[in-house]
Protein backbone atom coordinates (compact mmCIF):
# COMPACT_ATOMS: atom_id res chain seq x y z
CA MET A 1 8.54 14.44 138.52
CA GLN A 2 7.74 17.90 137.25
CA ILE A 3 4.93 20.01 138.72
CA ASN A 4 3.74 23.12 136.84
CA VAL A 5 1.31 25.58 138.39
CA LYS A 6 -0.30 28.16 136.11
CA GLY A 7 -2.89 30.85 136.74
CA LYS A 8 -5.53 32.37 134.49
CA HIS A 9 -6.80 35.77 135.60
CA LEU A 10 -4.96 35.10 138.85
CA GLU A 11 -1.41 35.62 140.08
CA ILE A 12 0.06 32.46 141.57
CA THR A 13 1.57 33.41 144.91
CA GLU A 14 4.29 31.46 146.68
CA ALA A 15 1.71 30.16 149.18
CA ILE A 16 -0.57 28.80 146.44
CA ASP A 17 2.38 27.27 144.58
CA SER A 18 3.77 25.50 147.64
CA TYR A 19 0.28 24.29 148.66
CA VAL A 20 -0.35 22.75 145.22
CA ARG A 21 3.11 21.13 145.16
CA LYS A 22 2.60 19.64 148.63
CA LYS A 23 -0.79 18.21 147.61
CA CYS A 24 0.55 16.84 144.30
CA GLU A 25 3.25 14.85 146.06
CA ARG A 26 0.44 12.63 147.40
CA LEU A 27 -0.36 11.43 143.88
CA VAL A 28 2.98 9.67 143.46
CA ARG A 29 2.10 7.41 146.39
CA TYR A 30 -0.83 6.03 144.43
CA PHE A 31 0.98 5.45 141.15
CA ASP A 32 4.74 5.65 140.72
CA GLN A 33 4.72 6.12 136.92
CA VAL A 34 3.61 9.78 137.14
CA GLN A 35 5.87 11.86 134.88
CA SER A 36 4.45 15.36 135.26
CA ILE A 37 1.53 17.23 136.81
CA ASP A 38 0.09 20.46 135.41
CA CYS A 39 -2.23 22.52 137.57
CA VAL A 40 -4.23 25.35 136.01
CA ILE A 41 -6.07 27.63 138.42
CA GLU A 42 -8.59 30.01 136.90
CA LYS A 43 -10.40 32.84 138.68
CA GLU A 44 -14.07 32.91 137.71
CA ASN A 45 -16.92 35.23 138.65
CA ASN A 46 -18.30 32.89 141.29
CA GLY A 47 -15.11 31.26 142.54
CA PHE A 48 -12.24 29.21 141.21
CA HIS A 49 -11.81 26.51 138.58
CA VAL A 50 -8.95 24.09 139.24
CA GLU A 51 -7.74 21.63 136.59
CA PHE A 52 -5.13 18.94 137.12
CA ILE A 53 -3.51 17.19 134.16
CA VAL A 54 -1.44 14.19 135.19
CA ASP A 55 0.88 12.63 132.62
CA VAL A 56 1.66 8.96 133.28
CA GLU A 57 3.69 6.40 131.35
CA HIS A 58 1.89 4.25 128.77
CA HIS A 59 -1.49 5.97 129.18
CA GLU A 60 -3.26 9.12 128.12
CA ASP A 61 -3.28 12.03 130.54
CA PHE A 62 -5.68 11.97 133.47
CA ILE A 63 -7.61 15.27 133.58
CA VAL A 64 -9.69 16.36 136.55
CA ASN A 65 -11.66 19.61 136.93
CA TYR A 66 -13.20 21.09 140.03
CA ARG A 67 -15.01 24.35 140.79
CA ASP A 68 -15.52 25.88 144.22
CA ALA A 69 -15.88 29.29 145.84
CA ASP A 70 -12.81 28.60 148.01
CA LEU A 71 -9.49 28.12 146.21
CA TYR A 72 -7.93 25.77 148.75
CA ALA A 73 -11.08 23.64 148.95
CA ALA A 74 -11.10 23.36 145.14
CA ILE A 75 -7.46 22.25 145.15
CA ASP A 76 -8.10 19.67 147.91
CA LEU A 77 -11.15 18.19 146.22
CA ALA A 78 -9.50 18.10 142.79
CA VAL A 79 -6.46 16.29 144.20
CA ASP A 80 -8.75 13.82 145.99
CA ARG A 81 -10.61 13.15 142.75
CA GLU A 82 -7.32 12.76 140.84
CA ALA A 83 -6.04 10.30 143.45
CA ARG A 84 -9.21 8.25 143.06
CA VAL A 85 -8.88 8.20 139.26
CA ILE A 86 -5.23 7.18 139.42
CA SER A 87 -5.79 4.46 142.03
CA GLU A 88 -8.70 3.04 139.99
CA HIS A 89 -6.42 2.93 136.93
CA LYS A 90 -3.74 1.14 138.93
CA LYS A 91 -6.30 -1.36 140.21
CA ARG A 92 -7.56 -2.05 136.67
CA MET A 93 -3.98 -2.60 135.48
CA ARG A 94 -3.21 -4.94 138.37
CA ASP A 95 -6.46 -6.93 137.92
CA HIS A 96 -5.90 -7.23 134.18
CA LYS A 97 -2.30 -8.36 134.66
CA HIS A 98 -3.18 -10.96 137.31
CA GLY A 99 -6.29 -12.24 135.60
CA GLY A 100 -9.00 -10.97 137.69
């Protein structure tokens, strides 16, 4: 699985990069068909905008956005939201496959 971390108006430090990678490893536990994860972190006037784009097999990308004044809080909450979206997709697939 490939994880890309990009910054807009912000330099991605080693600490930010390792934090995002550690958090993204959680997502594979929810759905094993994750192929790549792109994280775009943008510095805004009132805080940070974090966007996760998760590419999975046989489905369009899952995109989650989150804004917060604290960068690490924005990353945590965006990953939590992405995990919920992926697990709901997995549940829908499983229910559809098993008839209900």
